Amino acid sequence: MDWARSKRGVPIRLTEERWFHIVENHDDLAGYYDEVLDTIENPGWILQGYGGALIAVKGVARRKYLAVVYREVSRRYGFVITAYFTSRVARRSIRWRRGQQQQER
């Protein structure tokens, strides 16, 4: 199990079980473990997800983005839900973007 800190300073957990689930459903993410954690800590954008989830997004290539869906349960704990590659970023739901000091509530 590893941890990353969100932009709000919340520790976000990525367990082995969750990582295996992610790679099982998104085999193109195999080998991107460290990048998933880094995307939480150093995103280009944070989008509003469903059910209180947040989506950290980081560009990895031209028109290719890594999206990591996670949830902050409290100021002391959060967890990764899933991760995937995408070619589009839904900018209408941006909660934070690089250059801002802290994520909005």
N, C-alpha and C. Protein backbone atom coordinates (compact mmCIF):
# COMPACT_ATOMS: atom_id res chain seq x y z
N MET A 1 0.85 -1.17 0.00
CA MET A 1 0.00 0.00 0.00
C MET A 1 0.90 1.24 0.00
N ASP A 2 0.52 2.21 -0.81
CA ASP A 2 1.24 3.47 -0.87
C ASP A 2 0.26 4.62 -0.71
N TRP A 3 0.83 5.78 -0.41
CA TRP A 3 0.04 6.97 -0.16
C TRP A 3 0.53 8.13 -1.03
N ALA A 4 -0.38 9.01 -1.37
CA ALA A 4 -0.05 10.27 -2.04
C ALA A 4 -0.84 11.35 -1.32
N ARG A 5 -0.36 12.57 -1.35
CA ARG A 5 -1.08 13.69 -0.73
C ARG A 5 -1.81 14.47 -1.80
N SER A 6 -3.10 14.68 -1.58
CA SER A 6 -3.90 15.49 -2.52
C SER A 6 -3.49 16.95 -2.39
N LYS A 7 -4.00 17.79 -3.26
CA LYS A 7 -3.71 19.22 -3.20
C LYS A 7 -4.22 19.86 -1.92
N ARG A 8 -5.19 19.25 -1.27
CA ARG A 8 -5.68 19.76 0.02
C ARG A 8 -4.90 19.19 1.19
N GLY A 9 -3.88 18.36 0.89
CA GLY A 9 -3.06 17.79 1.94
C GLY A 9 -3.61 16.51 2.54
N VAL A 10 -4.64 15.94 1.94
CA VAL A 10 -5.25 14.72 2.45
C VAL A 10 -4.45 13.51 1.97
N PRO A 11 -4.05 12.59 2.87
CA PRO A 11 -3.37 11.37 2.44
C PRO A 11 -4.37 10.47 1.68
N ILE A 12 -3.99 10.08 0.46
CA ILE A 12 -4.84 9.25 -0.39
C ILE A 12 -4.17 7.88 -0.52
N ARG A 13 -4.89 6.83 -0.17
CA ARG A 13 -4.35 5.47 -0.14
C ARG A 13 -4.58 4.76 -1.47
N LEU A 14 -3.55 4.05 -1.93
CA LEU A 14 -3.67 3.15 -3.08
C LEU A 14 -3.20 1.78 -2.62
N THR A 15 -4.15 0.86 -2.44
CA THR A 15 -3.83 -0.48 -1.97
C THR A 15 -3.47 -1.39 -3.15
N GLU A 16 -2.81 -2.50 -2.84
CA GLU A 16 -2.50 -3.49 -3.87
C GLU A 16 -3.78 -4.01 -4.51
N GLU A 17 -4.79 -4.28 -3.70
CA GLU A 17 -6.06 -4.80 -4.23
C GLU A 17 -6.66 -3.82 -5.24
N ARG A 18 -6.64 -2.54 -4.91
CA ARG A 18 -7.22 -1.54 -5.80
C ARG A 18 -6.38 -1.42 -7.07
N TRP A 19 -5.04 -1.47 -6.93
CA TRP A 19 -4.17 -1.40 -8.10
C TRP A 19 -4.43 -2.58 -9.03
N PHE A 20 -4.54 -3.79 -8.49
CA PHE A 20 -4.82 -4.96 -9.33
C PHE A 20 -6.17 -4.81 -10.04
N HIS A 21 -7.16 -4.29 -9.34
CA HIS A 21 -8.47 -4.05 -9.94
C HIS A 21 -8.35 -3.04 -11.10
N ILE A 22 -7.60 -1.97 -10.88
CA ILE A 22 -7.42 -0.96 -11.93
C ILE A 22 -6.77 -1.57 -13.16
N VAL A 23 -5.67 -2.28 -12.97
CA VAL A 23 -4.91 -2.85 -14.09
C VAL A 23 -5.71 -3.96 -14.78
N GLU A 24 -6.50 -4.69 -14.02
CA GLU A 24 -7.34 -5.74 -14.60
C GLU A 24 -8.36 -5.14 -15.58
N ASN A 25 -8.88 -3.97 -15.25
CA ASN A 25 -9.88 -3.33 -16.10
C ASN A 25 -9.30 -2.34 -17.11
N HIS A 26 -8.08 -1.89 -16.86
CA HIS A 26 -7.41 -0.92 -17.73
C HIS A 26 -5.96 -1.38 -17.91
N ASP A 27 -5.77 -2.45 -18.67
CA ASP A 27 -4.43 -3.04 -18.79
C ASP A 27 -3.40 -2.09 -19.38
N ASP A 28 -3.84 -1.04 -20.05
CA ASP A 28 -2.90 -0.06 -20.58
C ASP A 28 -2.22 0.76 -19.47
N LEU A 29 -2.71 0.63 -18.23
CA LEU A 29 -2.10 1.33 -17.10
C LEU A 29 -0.99 0.53 -16.42
N ALA A 30 -0.80 -0.72 -16.81
CA ALA A 30 0.28 -1.52 -16.23
C ALA A 30 1.59 -0.76 -16.41
N GLY A 31 2.35 -0.64 -15.36
CA GLY A 31 3.60 0.10 -15.42
C GLY A 31 3.47 1.58 -15.09
N TYR A 32 2.27 2.04 -14.78
CA TYR A 32 2.03 3.46 -14.47
C TYR A 32 1.70 3.69 -12.99
N TYR A 33 2.07 2.77 -12.14
CA TYR A 33 1.77 2.88 -10.71
C TYR A 33 2.26 4.21 -10.12
N ASP A 34 3.54 4.50 -10.32
CA ASP A 34 4.10 5.74 -9.76
C ASP A 34 3.44 6.97 -10.36
N GLU A 35 3.09 6.90 -11.64
CA GLU A 35 2.44 8.02 -12.30
C GLU A 35 1.04 8.28 -11.74
N VAL A 36 0.35 7.20 -11.33
CA VAL A 36 -0.96 7.36 -10.71
C VAL A 36 -0.82 8.16 -9.41
N LEU A 37 0.14 7.77 -8.57
CA LEU A 37 0.36 8.50 -7.32
C LEU A 37 0.81 9.94 -7.59
N ASP A 38 1.68 10.12 -8.58
CA ASP A 38 2.17 11.46 -8.91
C ASP A 38 1.05 12.35 -9.44
N THR A 39 0.10 11.77 -10.15
CA THR A 39 -1.02 12.54 -10.68
C THR A 39 -1.87 13.12 -9.55
N ILE A 40 -2.01 12.39 -8.46
CA ILE A 40 -2.73 12.90 -7.29
C ILE A 40 -1.97 14.07 -6.67
N GLU A 41 -0.66 13.94 -6.56
CA GLU A 41 0.15 14.97 -5.91
C GLU A 41 0.43 16.18 -6.81
N ASN A 42 0.54 15.95 -8.11
CA ASN A 42 0.91 17.01 -9.05
C ASN A 42 0.01 17.03 -10.28
N PRO A 43 -1.29 17.23 -10.09
CA PRO A 43 -2.20 17.21 -11.24
C PRO A 43 -2.11 18.49 -12.07
N GLY A 44 -2.59 18.40 -13.29
CA GLY A 44 -2.78 19.60 -14.10
C GLY A 44 -4.12 20.23 -13.77
N TRP A 45 -5.10 19.38 -13.48
CA TRP A 45 -6.45 19.80 -13.12
C TRP A 45 -7.01 18.83 -12.09
N ILE A 46 -7.97 19.31 -11.33
CA ILE A 46 -8.79 18.45 -10.49
C ILE A 46 -10.24 18.75 -10.88
N LEU A 47 -10.95 17.70 -11.27
CA LEU A 47 -12.33 17.83 -11.72
C LEU A 47 -13.27 17.29 -10.65
N GLN A 48 -14.50 17.77 -10.66
CA GLN A 48 -15.53 17.23 -9.78
C GLN A 48 -16.05 15.94 -10.39
N GLY A 49 -16.01 14.85 -9.63
CA GLY A 49 -16.55 13.58 -10.08
C GLY A 49 -17.94 13.38 -9.52
N TYR A 50 -18.42 12.15 -9.59
CA TYR A 50 -19.75 11.82 -9.08
C TYR A 50 -19.66 11.35 -7.63
N GLY A 51 -20.71 11.59 -6.87
CA GLY A 51 -20.79 11.10 -5.51
C GLY A 51 -19.70 11.60 -4.59
N GLY A 52 -19.24 12.82 -4.82
CA GLY A 52 -18.20 13.39 -3.96
C GLY A 52 -16.79 13.04 -4.36
N ALA A 53 -16.63 12.25 -5.40
CA ALA A 53 -15.29 11.88 -5.86
C ALA A 53 -14.64 13.06 -6.58
N LEU A 54 -13.33 13.05 -6.60
CA LEU A 54 -12.54 14.02 -7.34
C LEU A 54 -11.74 13.28 -8.40
N ILE A 55 -11.38 13.97 -9.48
CA ILE A 55 -10.61 13.34 -10.55
C ILE A 55 -9.38 14.20 -10.80
N ALA A 56 -8.21 13.66 -10.46
CA ALA A 56 -6.95 14.33 -10.76
C ALA A 56 -6.55 13.96 -12.18
N VAL A 57 -6.18 14.96 -12.98
CA VAL A 57 -5.85 14.73 -14.39
C VAL A 57 -4.49 15.34 -14.68
N LYS A 58 -3.69 14.58 -15.43
CA LYS A 58 -2.36 15.05 -15.81
C LYS A 58 -2.08 14.62 -17.24
N GLY A 59 -1.52 15.51 -18.03
CA GLY A 59 -1.14 15.18 -19.39
C GLY A 59 0.07 14.26 -19.41
N VAL A 60 0.01 13.20 -20.21
CA VAL A 60 1.14 12.27 -20.33
C VAL A 60 1.71 12.26 -21.74
N ALA A 61 0.96 12.72 -22.70
CA ALA A 61 1.39 12.82 -24.10
C ALA A 61 0.43 13.77 -24.79
N ARG A 62 0.70 14.06 -26.04
CA ARG A 62 -0.20 14.94 -26.78
C ARG A 62 -1.58 14.29 -26.87
N ARG A 63 -2.58 15.00 -26.35
CA ARG A 63 -3.97 14.52 -26.35
C ARG A 63 -4.15 13.19 -25.63
N LYS A 64 -3.32 12.93 -24.63
CA LYS A 64 -3.47 11.74 -23.79
C LYS A 64 -3.29 12.17 -22.34
N TYR A 65 -4.29 11.88 -21.53
CA TYR A 65 -4.30 12.29 -20.14
C TYR A 65 -4.50 11.08 -19.23
N LEU A 66 -3.86 11.13 -18.07
CA LEU A 66 -4.08 10.13 -17.04
C LEU A 66 -5.06 10.73 -16.04
N ALA A 67 -6.17 10.05 -15.80
CA ALA A 67 -7.19 10.49 -14.86
C ALA A 67 -7.22 9.52 -13.68
N VAL A 68 -7.15 10.05 -12.47
CA VAL A 68 -7.20 9.24 -11.26
C VAL A 68 -8.40 9.70 -10.43
N VAL A 69 -9.33 8.80 -10.22
CA VAL A 69 -10.54 9.10 -9.45
C VAL A 69 -10.27 8.70 -8.00
N TYR A 70 -10.50 9.64 -7.09
CA TYR A 70 -10.27 9.36 -5.68
C TYR A 70 -11.32 10.09 -4.84
N ARG A 71 -11.36 9.71 -3.58
CA ARG A 71 -12.33 10.32 -2.67
C ARG A 71 -11.62 10.74 -1.39
N GLU A 72 -11.88 11.94 -0.95
CA GLU A 72 -11.39 12.43 0.33
C GLU A 72 -12.51 12.24 1.35
N VAL A 73 -12.37 11.26 2.20
CA VAL A 73 -13.41 10.95 3.20
C VAL A 73 -13.37 11.98 4.33
N SER A 74 -12.17 12.36 4.72
CA SER A 74 -11.98 13.37 5.76
C SER A 74 -10.67 14.10 5.45
N ARG A 75 -10.28 14.99 6.33
CA ARG A 75 -9.00 15.69 6.13
C ARG A 75 -7.81 14.77 6.38
N ARG A 76 -8.05 13.61 6.96
CA ARG A 76 -6.97 12.68 7.29
C ARG A 76 -6.94 11.41 6.46
N TYR A 77 -7.93 11.22 5.59
CA TYR A 77 -8.00 9.94 4.88
C TYR A 77 -8.75 10.06 3.57
N GLY A 78 -8.20 9.39 2.56
CA GLY A 78 -8.86 9.28 1.27
C GLY A 78 -8.36 8.02 0.58
N PHE A 79 -8.97 7.67 -0.53
CA PHE A 79 -8.57 6.45 -1.23
C PHE A 79 -8.81 6.59 -2.73
N VAL A 80 -8.03 5.83 -3.49
CA VAL A 80 -8.17 5.80 -4.94
C VAL A 80 -9.32 4.87 -5.30
N ILE A 81 -10.15 5.29 -6.23
CA ILE A 81 -11.26 4.47 -6.71
C ILE A 81 -10.87 3.77 -7.99
N THR A 82 -10.37 4.52 -8.96
CA THR A 82 -9.93 3.93 -10.23
C THR A 82 -9.02 4.92 -10.94
N ALA A 83 -8.48 4.50 -12.06
CA ALA A 83 -7.65 5.36 -12.91
C ALA A 83 -7.81 4.88 -14.34
N TYR A 84 -7.61 5.79 -15.28
CA TYR A 84 -7.76 5.44 -16.70
C TYR A 84 -7.11 6.51 -17.56
N PHE A 85 -6.82 6.16 -18.81
CA PHE A 85 -6.35 7.13 -19.79
C PHE A 85 -7.55 7.67 -20.54
N THR A 86 -7.46 8.93 -20.94
CA THR A 86 -8.52 9.56 -21.72
C THR A 86 -7.90 10.56 -22.69
N SER A 87 -8.65 10.88 -23.72
CA SER A 87 -8.18 11.88 -24.68
C SER A 87 -8.90 13.21 -24.49
N ARG A 88 -9.86 13.25 -23.57
CA ARG A 88 -10.63 14.47 -23.33
C ARG A 88 -10.70 14.79 -21.84
N VAL A 89 -10.70 16.07 -21.55
CA VAL A 89 -10.86 16.53 -20.17
C VAL A 89 -12.12 17.39 -20.12
N ALA A 90 -13.07 17.01 -19.27
CA ALA A 90 -14.34 17.75 -19.13
C ALA A 90 -14.08 19.01 -18.31
N ARG A 91 -13.65 20.04 -18.98
CA ARG A 91 -13.22 21.26 -18.29
C ARG A 91 -14.36 22.04 -17.64
N ARG A 92 -15.59 21.68 -17.92
CA ARG A 92 -16.71 22.40 -17.30
C ARG A 92 -16.80 22.13 -15.80
N SER A 93 -16.18 21.06 -15.35
CA SER A 93 -16.28 20.69 -13.94
C SER A 93 -14.96 20.86 -13.20
N ILE A 94 -14.13 21.80 -13.63
CA ILE A 94 -12.82 22.01 -13.00
C ILE A 94 -13.00 22.59 -11.59
N ARG A 95 -12.38 21.94 -10.62
CA ARG A 95 -12.36 22.43 -9.24
C ARG A 95 -11.06 23.13 -8.91
N TRP A 96 -9.98 22.74 -9.63
CA TRP A 96 -8.65 23.30 -9.39
C TRP A 96 -7.83 23.12 -10.65
N ARG A 97 -6.93 24.06 -10.92
CA ARG A 97 -6.01 23.90 -12.05
C ARG A 97 -4.63 24.37 -11.62
N ARG A 98 -3.63 23.82 -12.27
CA ARG A 98 -2.25 24.19 -11.94
C ARG A 98 -2.13 25.71 -11.98
N GLY A 99 -1.44 26.26 -11.01
CA GLY A 99 -1.31 27.70 -10.90
C GLY A 99 -2.12 28.27 -9.75
N GLN A 100 -3.17 27.54 -9.32
CA GLN A 100 -3.93 27.94 -8.14
C GLN A 100 -3.18 27.47 -6.90
N GLN A 101 -3.33 28.18 -5.80
CA GLN A 101 -2.63 27.81 -4.58
C GLN A 101 -3.23 26.59 -3.89
N GLN A 102 -4.53 26.59 -3.73
CA GLN A 102 -5.18 25.49 -3.01
C GLN A 102 -6.50 25.18 -3.68
N GLN A 103 -6.89 23.93 -3.59
CA GLN A 103 -8.15 23.50 -4.18
C GLN A 103 -9.33 24.13 -3.46
N GLU A 104 -10.35 24.51 -4.22
CA GLU A 104 -11.57 25.06 -3.64
C GLU A 104 -12.34 23.98 -2.91
N ARG A 105 -13.15 24.39 -1.98
CA ARG A 105 -14.02 23.44 -1.26
C ARG A 105 -15.32 23.30 -1.97
